[in-house]
Amino acid sequence: MNRRKKQNFRRPKKIMDLLRIFVFLVILFAFALTGLLIPLRPSESLLENRTLEKFPAFTMESFLDGSYFSQISTWYADTFPFREALLTANASLEGLYGIQGEQYVATAGQGGDEIPDSFEAGSQEKDPAETAGAQEGNSAVTAGTEGSNAEDAAGADETEKYEDGTIYDEPEVTGDVYISGDTAFSVYYFNTEGANGYVAMIDKAQKKLDGMADVYTILVPTSVGVNLSEEVQEKLNSADQEAAIDYIYEGIQTTNSKVKTVEIFDTLKKHNAEYIYFRTDHHWTALGAYYAYEEFCSVKGITATPIEEYETVEFTDFLGSFYASSGQAASLKNNPDTILAYIPTSTNDMVYYDSNGDEYQWNIIYDVNGWDNSTKYSTFAAGDNPYEVIDNPEMNDGSACLVIKESFGNAFVPFLTDHYDKVYVIDYRYFYKYSEYDNSVCQLVRDKDISDVILVNNVEAMDSESKVSMMSEIFD
């Protein structure tokens, strides 16, 4: 009797197990079917600020080697309907586990080159006579600049003290992104070929533009090099950005003394207790860009507009690239950034052209209230476009500059508006899409009678030869 009763009890349990399996399979099938509904599949990710994978084109070669099916799998996963809502829900669920303290999130995990002690040690062989001549021509300029900077620094130290915002906590390493409290950092890796390529590209640019325009270069450190102590950077296996920038600038000065280098590392370092970098995004803030603008004005010999003369606007709840690449870490989500933007005193109007050549009337500082939280950095100079023009109505002297940049340059461009009749802006990554100038900076400089060409790039733009080659091609 007891044995029969046990068997009777087991039957309902088996039925329930089968029912659960059936329900699970139905849900799984429903999800798979939903994933195949093309109209629901997203094409862009606002959260990650990128275009998602496209359905691969069929080729016999990719079909035979199996890569075609791998590409379909990648497309399917990358463009699954409601992908961002699911990612957000997953991050919220993980947050229920109550991760506390310092969090480390990996995104790449590559290695870097050792920074050579001198440019000659890391560069390819050159004509000794050419190198000697360049060094001789540059020595007086370098010595004079160093002396002047030393005097200025000494005077500043006597009259003004700066709070130290350096982070000295010892971290653990789990990849590229380090999150301490509510602030994220991306690890920097030095690339010798990329650095040497940048030096060669700047030399090429100056020689192509010689007699037409002066060439300025501004290398922007990222927050990991400015806000973290040297010891912490070593723990992260992050290369010394100050040494990297010194290496590149030494190479530029050695190779071509006509190029004007704008050094901003020390300036940003002494202001590192201020809000000069975003906490949830890899960019600098407009305040950080302003300090770089002051240094540019010093090198050019003009007077910077005092920061208190600008009208300012604020955009809250900005969650940038670090937030997306961290898997939406709760420590960042709960402490979003605020964007403070400075409107030029002369005009807030500009024009930009997209990759189709279509023209748009825009604002230099655009009202991004109501935009997605991840896109608010686009308030600066219309974001990343092939070609942009700013016309200053308060000047009519024909002065013109060209800014060649990636996204770090967006926050820098507005400050130049008050100093030129025309400000032209190109993003070297997309300029080839603007057909009027056929990817030729030299043609643009000639046609617009541009006197200053200013390259503004963060140090990670030199982390590979491919990026530098893209910059070099626009000077062919």
Protein backbone atom coordinates (compact mmCIF):
# COMPACT_ATOMS: atom_id res chain seq x y z
CA MET A 1 0.00 0.00 0.00
CA ASN A 2 2.77 2.44 0.87
CA ARG A 3 4.60 1.69 -2.34
CA ARG A 4 1.51 2.50 -4.46
CA LYS A 5 0.95 5.77 -2.65
CA LYS A 6 4.49 6.90 -3.37
CA GLN A 7 4.07 6.10 -7.05
CA ASN A 8 0.84 8.07 -7.17
CA PHE A 9 2.58 11.08 -5.65
CA ARG A 10 5.41 10.92 -8.17
CA ARG A 11 3.16 11.07 -11.22
CA PRO A 12 1.90 14.63 -10.62
CA LYS A 13 5.51 15.72 -10.01
CA LYS A 14 6.63 14.26 -13.35
CA ILE A 15 3.73 15.96 -15.07
CA MET A 16 4.70 19.30 -13.50
CA ASP A 17 8.31 18.83 -14.60
CA LEU A 18 7.19 18.12 -18.16
CA LEU A 19 4.91 21.15 -18.05
CA ARG A 20 7.78 23.39 -16.89
CA ILE A 21 10.00 22.08 -19.69
CA PHE A 22 7.21 22.70 -22.21
CA VAL A 23 6.63 26.27 -20.98
CA PHE A 24 10.36 26.96 -21.06
CA LEU A 25 10.63 25.66 -24.64
CA VAL A 26 7.63 27.75 -25.70
CA ILE A 27 9.19 30.90 -24.20
CA LEU A 28 12.55 30.06 -25.77
CA PHE A 29 10.90 29.52 -29.15
CA ALA A 30 8.96 32.80 -28.77
CA PHE A 31 12.19 34.68 -28.06
CA ALA A 32 13.87 33.07 -31.07
CA LEU A 33 10.91 33.92 -33.27
CA THR A 34 10.88 37.51 -32.00
CA GLY A 35 14.56 37.75 -32.82
CA LEU A 36 13.81 36.92 -36.45
CA LEU A 37 11.30 39.73 -36.86
CA ILE A 38 13.36 42.12 -38.98
CA PRO A 39 11.16 45.25 -38.44
CA LEU A 40 11.80 45.06 -34.68
CA ARG A 41 15.58 44.78 -34.96
CA PRO A 42 17.46 47.97 -34.03
CA SER A 43 20.13 49.41 -36.34
CA GLU A 44 21.83 51.74 -33.85
CA SER A 45 22.61 51.71 -30.14
CA LEU A 46 22.10 55.02 -28.35
CA LEU A 47 23.48 53.51 -25.16
CA GLU A 48 26.75 52.48 -26.81
CA ASN A 49 26.71 55.31 -29.38
CA ARG A 50 27.45 53.04 -32.33
CA THR A 51 25.93 51.45 -35.42
CA LEU A 52 24.99 47.83 -34.85
CA GLU A 53 26.01 44.92 -37.06
CA LYS A 54 24.32 44.67 -40.46
CA PHE A 55 23.06 41.45 -42.01
CA PRO A 56 26.05 40.05 -43.90
CA ALA A 57 26.13 39.96 -47.67
CA PHE A 58 26.28 36.44 -49.08
CA THR A 59 29.47 35.36 -50.83
CA MET A 60 30.45 31.88 -51.90
CA GLU A 61 33.82 32.26 -50.17
CA SER A 62 32.30 33.14 -46.77
CA PHE A 63 29.72 30.38 -47.20
CA LEU A 64 32.33 27.72 -47.88
CA ASP A 65 34.69 28.72 -45.06
CA GLY A 66 31.83 29.01 -42.56
CA SER A 67 32.37 32.70 -41.74
CA TYR A 68 29.01 33.63 -43.28
CA PHE A 69 27.13 31.75 -40.57
CA SER A 70 29.37 33.26 -37.89
CA GLN A 71 28.54 36.73 -39.23
CA ILE A 72 24.82 35.92 -39.12
CA SER A 73 25.21 34.82 -35.51
CA THR A 74 26.96 38.09 -34.64
CA TRP A 75 24.25 40.09 -36.40
CA TYR A 76 21.51 38.16 -34.63
CA ALA A 77 23.01 38.77 -31.18
CA ASP A 78 23.96 42.41 -31.80
CA THR A 79 20.57 43.49 -33.16
CA PHE A 80 18.18 41.44 -31.05
CA PRO A 81 14.87 43.31 -30.52
CA PHE A 82 14.67 45.27 -27.25
CA ARG A 83 18.42 44.63 -26.80
CA GLU A 84 19.12 47.77 -24.76
CA ALA A 85 16.10 47.23 -22.50
CA LEU A 86 17.34 43.70 -21.83
CA LEU A 87 20.87 44.97 -21.11
CA THR A 88 19.49 47.53 -18.69
CA ALA A 89 17.34 44.92 -16.96
CA ASN A 90 20.35 42.61 -16.67
CA ALA A 91 22.47 45.37 -15.12
CA SER A 92 19.70 46.16 -12.64
CA LEU A 93 19.40 42.49 -11.73
CA GLU A 94 23.14 42.24 -11.14
CA GLY A 95 22.93 45.35 -8.98
CA LEU A 96 20.65 43.45 -6.60
CA TYR A 97 23.69 41.42 -5.57
CA GLY A 98 24.98 44.57 -3.88
CA ILE A 99 28.47 44.94 -5.36
CA GLN A 100 30.23 47.47 -3.18
CA GLY A 101 33.53 49.35 -3.16
CA GLU A 102 35.88 49.47 -6.14
CA GLN A 103 34.67 47.77 -9.32
CA TYR A 104 36.85 46.78 -12.26
CA VAL A 105 35.37 46.11 -15.65
CA ALA A 106 37.28 44.76 -18.65
CA THR A 107 36.71 45.94 -22.22
CA ALA A 108 39.81 45.09 -24.23
CA GLY A 109 42.82 43.83 -22.32
CA GLN A 110 45.57 44.39 -24.85
CA GLY A 111 49.23 45.16 -24.23
CA GLY A 112 51.35 48.18 -25.08
CA ASP A 113 54.88 49.05 -26.17
CA GLU A 114 57.54 50.36 -23.86
CA ILE A 115 58.07 54.09 -24.38
CA PRO A 116 61.60 54.74 -25.75
CA ASP A 117 63.86 57.07 -23.78
CA SER A 118 64.25 59.30 -26.81
CA PHE A 119 62.62 59.75 -30.19
CA GLU A 120 65.68 58.52 -32.08
CA ALA A 121 65.58 55.28 -30.10
CA GLY A 122 62.08 54.49 -31.28
CA SER A 123 62.06 56.02 -34.74
CA GLN A 124 63.15 54.58 -38.02
CA GLU A 125 66.51 55.57 -39.50
CA LYS A 126 66.71 58.99 -41.09
CA ASP A 127 69.23 60.89 -43.13
CA PRO A 128 71.80 61.99 -40.48
CA ALA A 129 72.36 65.33 -42.19
CA GLU A 130 68.65 66.05 -42.24
CA THR A 131 68.29 65.12 -38.58
CA ALA A 132 71.27 67.22 -37.53
CA GLY A 133 69.94 70.22 -39.44
CA ALA A 134 66.53 69.87 -37.86
CA GLN A 135 68.04 69.58 -34.38
CA GLU A 136 70.23 72.63 -34.92
CA GLY A 137 67.31 74.70 -36.19
CA ASN A 138 65.09 73.60 -33.36
CA SER A 139 67.51 73.90 -30.42
CA ALA A 140 67.12 77.63 -29.93
CA VAL A 141 63.33 77.40 -30.10
CA THR A 142 63.20 74.53 -27.61
CA ALA A 143 65.56 76.18 -25.16
CA GLY A 144 63.69 79.47 -25.31
CA THR A 145 60.35 77.78 -24.82
CA GLU A 146 61.56 75.73 -21.88
CA GLY A 147 63.03 78.78 -20.18
CA SER A 148 59.85 80.77 -20.65
CA ASN A 149 57.67 77.93 -19.38
CA ALA A 150 59.90 77.46 -16.37
CA GLU A 151 59.64 81.13 -15.46
CA ASP A 152 55.88 81.11 -15.96
CA ALA A 153 55.52 77.98 -13.84
CA ALA A 154 57.68 79.44 -11.08
CA GLY A 155 55.66 82.62 -11.05
CA ALA A 156 52.38 80.68 -10.98
CA ASP A 157 53.59 78.52 -8.11
CA GLU A 158 54.40 81.62 -6.07
CA THR A 159 51.00 83.23 -6.56
CA GLU A 160 48.55 80.34 -6.89
CA LYS A 161 48.27 76.94 -5.28
CA TYR A 162 46.26 74.10 -6.78
CA GLU A 163 44.44 71.36 -4.96
CA ASP A 164 45.73 67.86 -5.64
CA GLY A 165 42.99 65.67 -7.13
CA THR A 166 45.24 62.68 -7.80
CA ILE A 167 43.83 59.25 -6.88
CA TYR A 168 46.37 57.18 -4.93
CA ASP A 169 44.25 54.08 -4.15
CA GLU A 170 45.85 50.81 -5.20
CA PRO A 171 43.57 49.02 -7.69
CA GLU A 172 43.18 45.51 -8.97
CA VAL A 173 43.35 44.88 -12.72
CA THR A 174 40.62 43.25 -14.76
CA GLY A 175 41.12 44.91 -18.15
CA ASP A 176 40.91 48.39 -19.56
CA VAL A 177 38.28 50.12 -17.46
CA TYR A 178 38.87 50.92 -13.83
CA ILE A 179 35.96 52.15 -11.73
CA SER A 180 36.77 53.68 -8.38
CA GLY A 181 33.70 54.85 -6.52
CA ASP A 182 31.69 56.82 -9.10
CA THR A 183 34.54 57.47 -11.57
CA ALA A 184 35.72 55.35 -14.49
CA PHE A 185 39.07 55.30 -16.30
CA SER A 186 40.28 53.67 -19.49
CA VAL A 187 43.77 52.15 -19.56
CA TYR A 188 46.22 53.66 -22.06
CA TYR A 189 48.64 51.57 -24.13
CA PHE A 190 51.54 53.17 -25.97
CA ASN A 191 52.13 52.13 -29.58
CA THR A 192 55.57 52.97 -30.98
CA GLU A 193 54.57 52.64 -34.64
CA GLY A 194 51.51 54.80 -34.09
CA ALA A 195 53.55 57.46 -32.29
CA ASN A 196 56.25 57.52 -34.97
CA GLY A 197 53.55 57.57 -37.63
CA TYR A 198 51.99 60.64 -35.98
CA VAL A 199 55.34 62.43 -36.02
CA ALA A 200 55.76 61.60 -39.72
CA MET A 201 52.18 62.69 -40.45
CA ILE A 202 52.67 66.08 -38.76
CA ASP A 203 55.93 66.58 -40.65
CA LYS A 204 54.17 65.72 -43.90
CA ALA A 205 51.28 68.09 -43.10
CA GLN A 206 53.58 71.03 -42.37
CA LYS A 207 55.61 70.50 -45.55
CA LYS A 208 52.46 70.22 -47.67
CA LEU A 209 51.05 73.41 -46.12
CA ASP A 210 54.33 75.33 -45.91
CA GLY A 211 53.81 78.89 -47.10
CA MET A 212 50.02 78.55 -46.80
CA ALA A 213 49.32 77.91 -43.11
CA ASP A 214 50.93 77.40 -39.72
CA VAL A 215 50.46 73.92 -38.25
CA TYR A 216 49.62 73.46 -34.55
CA THR A 217 49.27 70.15 -32.76
CA ILE A 218 47.55 69.57 -29.43
CA LEU A 219 47.88 66.12 -27.87
CA VAL A 220 45.24 65.62 -25.20
CA PRO A 221 45.89 63.21 -22.32
CA THR A 222 42.98 61.12 -21.07
CA SER A 223 41.82 61.03 -17.47
CA VAL A 224 43.86 57.96 -16.53
CA GLY A 225 47.08 59.90 -17.11
CA VAL A 226 45.95 63.06 -15.33
CA ASN A 227 43.87 61.82 -12.40
CA LEU A 228 45.61 58.62 -11.32
CA SER A 229 48.97 58.53 -9.56
CA GLU A 230 51.95 57.02 -11.33
CA GLU A 231 51.88 54.09 -8.93
CA VAL A 232 48.22 53.36 -9.70
CA GLN A 233 48.88 53.59 -13.44
CA GLU A 234 51.68 51.05 -13.06
CA LYS A 235 49.31 48.73 -11.19
CA LEU A 236 46.89 49.03 -14.12
CA ASN A 237 49.71 48.46 -16.61
CA SER A 238 48.77 51.82 -18.14
CA ALA A 239 51.55 53.60 -20.05
CA ASP A 240 52.87 56.96 -18.85
CA GLN A 241 51.00 59.49 -20.97
CA GLU A 242 53.29 62.35 -20.03
CA ALA A 243 56.28 60.36 -21.28
CA ALA A 244 54.37 59.34 -24.41
CA ILE A 245 53.44 62.94 -25.25
CA ASP A 246 57.01 64.09 -24.53
CA TYR A 247 58.30 61.38 -26.88
CA ILE A 248 55.98 62.48 -29.71
CA TYR A 249 56.67 66.18 -29.20
CA GLU A 250 60.40 65.53 -29.12
CA GLY A 251 60.02 63.70 -32.41
CA ILE A 252 58.05 66.58 -33.93
CA GLN A 253 60.56 69.19 -32.74
CA THR A 254 63.47 67.07 -33.94
CA THR A 255 61.94 66.39 -37.33
CA ASN A 256 60.30 69.71 -38.14
CA SER A 257 60.89 72.83 -36.08
CA LYS A 258 58.21 74.77 -37.98
CA VAL A 259 55.40 72.81 -36.31
CA LYS A 260 53.97 74.57 -33.26
CA THR A 261 53.36 72.16 -30.37
CA VAL A 262 50.88 73.12 -27.66
CA GLU A 263 51.74 71.41 -24.39
CA ILE A 264 48.80 70.93 -22.05
CA PHE A 265 49.65 67.92 -19.87
CA ASP A 266 51.11 69.93 -16.98
CA THR A 267 48.23 72.42 -17.18
CA LEU A 268 45.59 69.71 -16.88
CA LYS A 269 47.57 67.92 -14.19
CA LYS A 270 47.64 70.95 -11.91
CA HIS A 271 43.86 71.35 -12.39
CA ASN A 272 43.11 67.66 -11.78
CA ALA A 273 41.04 68.37 -8.67
CA GLU A 274 38.59 70.25 -10.90
CA TYR A 275 35.85 68.80 -13.10
CA ILE A 276 38.00 68.56 -16.25
CA TYR A 277 37.05 65.00 -17.24
CA PHE A 278 33.71 63.24 -17.16
CA ARG A 279 33.31 60.37 -14.72
CA THR A 280 31.04 58.21 -16.91
CA ASP A 281 32.59 59.08 -20.28
CA HIS A 282 36.05 59.06 -21.88
CA HIS A 283 36.00 62.72 -22.99
CA TRP A 284 37.22 65.82 -21.24
CA THR A 285 34.74 68.47 -20.11
CA ALA A 286 34.47 71.94 -21.60
CA LEU A 287 36.48 73.23 -18.62
CA GLY A 288 39.34 70.89 -19.51
CA ALA A 289 39.13 72.04 -23.13
CA TYR A 290 39.17 75.68 -21.97
CA TYR A 291 42.49 75.20 -20.20
CA ALA A 292 43.89 73.74 -23.44
CA TYR A 293 42.48 76.71 -25.36
CA GLU A 294 44.31 79.08 -23.01
CA GLU A 295 47.59 77.29 -23.79
CA PHE A 296 46.88 77.50 -27.53
CA CYS A 297 46.27 81.24 -27.22
CA SER A 298 49.59 81.58 -25.38
CA VAL A 299 51.48 79.79 -28.16
CA LYS A 300 49.71 81.78 -30.89
CA GLY A 301 50.20 85.07 -29.06
CA ILE A 302 46.56 86.07 -28.64
CA THR A 303 44.47 86.79 -25.56
CA ALA A 304 42.03 84.11 -24.43
CA THR A 305 38.46 85.16 -23.64
CA PRO A 306 38.09 85.15 -19.83
CA ILE A 307 35.96 82.22 -18.80
CA GLU A 308 33.59 84.39 -16.77
CA GLU A 309 32.55 86.27 -19.94
CA TYR A 310 30.83 83.23 -21.45
CA GLU A 311 27.16 82.48 -21.07
CA THR A 312 26.83 78.95 -19.72
CA VAL A 313 24.24 76.18 -20.04
CA GLU A 314 23.96 72.88 -18.17
CA PHE A 315 22.73 69.47 -19.27
CA THR A 316 22.25 66.91 -16.53
CA ASP A 317 22.04 63.11 -16.37
CA PHE A 318 24.78 62.40 -18.92
CA LEU A 319 25.83 58.74 -18.98
CA GLY A 320 28.66 58.32 -21.44
CA SER A 321 30.82 55.67 -23.08
CA PHE A 322 32.32 54.34 -19.84
CA TYR A 323 28.84 53.66 -18.53
CA ALA A 324 28.03 51.59 -21.62
CA SER A 325 31.36 49.73 -21.69
CA SER A 326 31.15 48.97 -17.96
CA GLY A 327 27.99 46.95 -18.46
CA GLN A 328 26.01 49.86 -16.99
CA ALA A 329 27.67 49.79 -13.60
CA ALA A 330 25.32 50.97 -10.87
CA SER A 331 27.99 53.21 -9.35
CA LEU A 332 28.02 55.24 -12.59
CA LYS A 333 24.29 55.09 -13.23
CA ASN A 334 23.57 56.51 -9.78
CA ASN A 335 26.06 59.36 -10.29
CA PRO A 336 25.56 60.71 -13.83
CA ASP A 337 27.63 63.57 -15.20
CA THR A 338 26.55 67.16 -15.74
CA ILE A 339 27.69 68.88 -18.93
CA LEU A 340 28.57 72.56 -18.53
CA ALA A 341 28.94 74.30 -21.91
CA TYR A 342 30.26 77.78 -22.70
CA ILE A 343 28.51 79.68 -25.50
CA PRO A 344 30.90 81.81 -27.61
CA THR A 345 30.51 85.55 -27.07
CA SER A 346 30.36 86.35 -30.81
CA THR A 347 27.86 83.83 -32.20
CA ASN A 348 26.23 80.49 -31.50
CA ASP A 349 25.45 79.70 -35.14
CA MET A 350 27.18 77.20 -37.38
CA VAL A 351 26.62 74.99 -40.41
CA TYR A 352 27.51 71.34 -40.74
CA TYR A 353 27.46 68.91 -43.65
CA ASP A 354 26.72 65.22 -43.27
CA SER A 355 28.17 62.33 -45.27
CA ASN A 356 25.55 62.86 -47.98
CA GLY A 357 26.60 66.47 -48.41
CA ASP A 358 23.35 67.77 -46.92
CA GLU A 359 23.63 71.12 -45.14
CA TYR A 360 22.21 71.79 -41.66
CA GLN A 361 21.90 75.07 -39.79
CA TRP A 362 22.88 74.33 -36.19
CA ASN A 363 24.12 75.83 -32.94
CA ILE A 364 27.71 75.66 -31.72
CA ILE A 365 26.30 74.81 -28.29
CA TYR A 366 23.09 72.97 -29.02
CA ASP A 367 20.21 72.43 -26.59
CA VAL A 368 20.30 68.68 -25.90
CA ASN A 369 17.71 68.68 -23.13
CA GLY A 370 15.43 65.75 -23.76
CA TRP A 371 18.05 63.84 -25.77
CA ASP A 372 19.05 60.33 -24.79
CA ASN A 373 21.40 60.36 -21.80
CA SER A 374 24.22 58.81 -23.82
CA THR A 375 24.22 61.41 -26.62
CA LYS A 376 24.46 64.68 -24.72
CA TYR A 377 28.15 65.24 -25.50
CA SER A 378 26.86 66.14 -28.97
CA THR A 379 25.97 69.57 -27.58
CA PHE A 380 29.49 70.61 -28.67
CA ALA A 381 29.93 71.74 -32.29
CA ALA A 382 27.32 69.34 -33.73
CA GLY A 383 29.32 66.25 -32.78
CA ASP A 384 31.31 64.27 -35.34
CA ASN A 385 30.74 65.35 -38.94
CA PRO A 386 32.79 65.39 -42.15
CA TYR A 387 32.76 69.18 -42.47
CA GLU A 388 31.58 72.18 -40.43
CA VAL A 389 31.76 75.97 -40.80
CA ILE A 390 31.44 78.74 -38.22
CA ASP A 391 31.07 82.32 -39.49
CA ASN A 392 31.82 85.00 -36.89
CA PRO A 393 29.61 88.05 -37.70
CA GLU A 394 31.72 90.32 -35.49
CA MET A 395 34.86 89.86 -37.60
CA ASN A 396 35.49 90.62 -41.27
CA ASP A 397 39.27 90.45 -41.57
CA GLY A 398 39.46 87.22 -43.56
CA SER A 399 41.17 85.29 -40.78
CA ALA A 400 40.46 81.57 -40.85
CA CYS A 401 41.52 78.40 -39.09
CA LEU A 402 40.95 74.73 -39.73
CA VAL A 403 40.53 72.26 -36.86
CA ILE A 404 41.33 68.62 -37.66
CA LYS A 405 40.01 66.46 -34.86
CA GLU A 406 38.22 63.45 -33.49
CA SER A 407 35.54 63.75 -30.81
CA PHE A 408 37.84 65.32 -28.19
CA GLY A 409 38.07 68.37 -30.44
CA ASN A 410 34.33 69.01 -30.25
CA ALA A 411 34.54 70.69 -26.84
CA PHE A 412 37.60 72.70 -27.97
CA VAL A 413 36.16 74.20 -31.17
CA PRO A 414 33.65 76.64 -29.57
CA PHE A 415 36.43 78.62 -27.87
CA LEU A 416 38.09 79.45 -31.21
CA THR A 417 34.96 81.14 -32.54
CA ASP A 418 35.74 84.56 -31.05
CA HIS A 419 39.22 84.75 -32.65
CA TYR A 420 38.61 84.08 -36.35
CA ASP A 421 36.41 85.37 -39.14
CA LYS A 422 35.84 81.74 -40.16
CA VAL A 423 36.40 78.47 -38.31
CA TYR A 424 36.42 75.32 -40.44
CA VAL A 425 36.22 71.91 -38.79
CA ILE A 426 36.76 68.43 -40.20
CA ASP A 427 36.72 65.05 -38.51
CA TYR A 428 39.54 63.12 -40.18
CA ARG A 429 37.57 59.87 -39.76
CA TYR A 430 34.72 61.08 -41.99
CA PHE A 431 36.18 63.83 -44.17
CA TYR A 432 36.51 61.45 -47.12
CA LYS A 433 32.70 61.31 -47.23
CA TYR A 434 32.50 65.03 -48.02
CA SER A 435 32.99 65.07 -51.78
CA GLU A 436 33.58 68.78 -52.43
CA TYR A 437 37.21 68.64 -51.31
CA ASP A 438 37.89 65.01 -52.26
CA ASN A 439 39.52 64.27 -48.90
CA SER A 440 42.17 66.96 -49.54
CA VAL A 441 43.06 69.33 -46.71
CA CYS A 442 45.50 71.17 -48.97
CA GLN A 443 42.71 72.04 -51.39
CA LEU A 444 40.49 73.23 -48.55
CA VAL A 445 43.27 75.41 -47.11
CA ARG A 446 43.95 76.99 -50.52
CA ASP A 447 40.29 77.59 -51.36
CA LYS A 448 39.41 79.13 -47.98
CA ASP A 449 42.70 81.02 -47.47
CA ILE A 450 43.21 79.33 -44.08
CA SER A 451 46.17 80.57 -42.05
CA ASP A 452 46.12 78.18 -39.05
CA VAL A 453 45.68 74.40 -39.15
CA ILE A 454 45.13 72.96 -35.66
CA LEU A 455 45.21 69.23 -35.01
CA VAL A 456 43.46 68.29 -31.76
CA ASN A 457 43.68 64.60 -30.88
CA ASN A 458 43.67 62.58 -27.69
CA VAL A 459 46.66 60.29 -27.15
CA GLU A 460 44.66 57.17 -28.01
CA ALA A 461 44.39 58.43 -31.60
CA MET A 462 48.03 57.35 -31.86
CA ASP A 463 47.52 53.83 -30.55
CA SER A 464 47.65 52.25 -34.01
CA GLU A 465 49.15 52.91 -37.43
CA SER A 466 45.74 52.60 -39.07
CA LYS A 467 44.34 55.68 -37.29
CA VAL A 468 47.43 57.73 -38.10
CA SER A 469 47.32 56.56 -41.72
CA MET A 470 43.76 57.84 -41.94
CA MET A 471 44.98 61.25 -40.77
CA SER A 472 47.94 61.17 -43.14
CA GLU A 473 45.79 60.41 -46.19
CA ILE A 474 43.96 63.74 -45.98
CA PHE A 475 47.29 65.50 -46.66
CA ASP A 476 48.04 63.56 -49.87
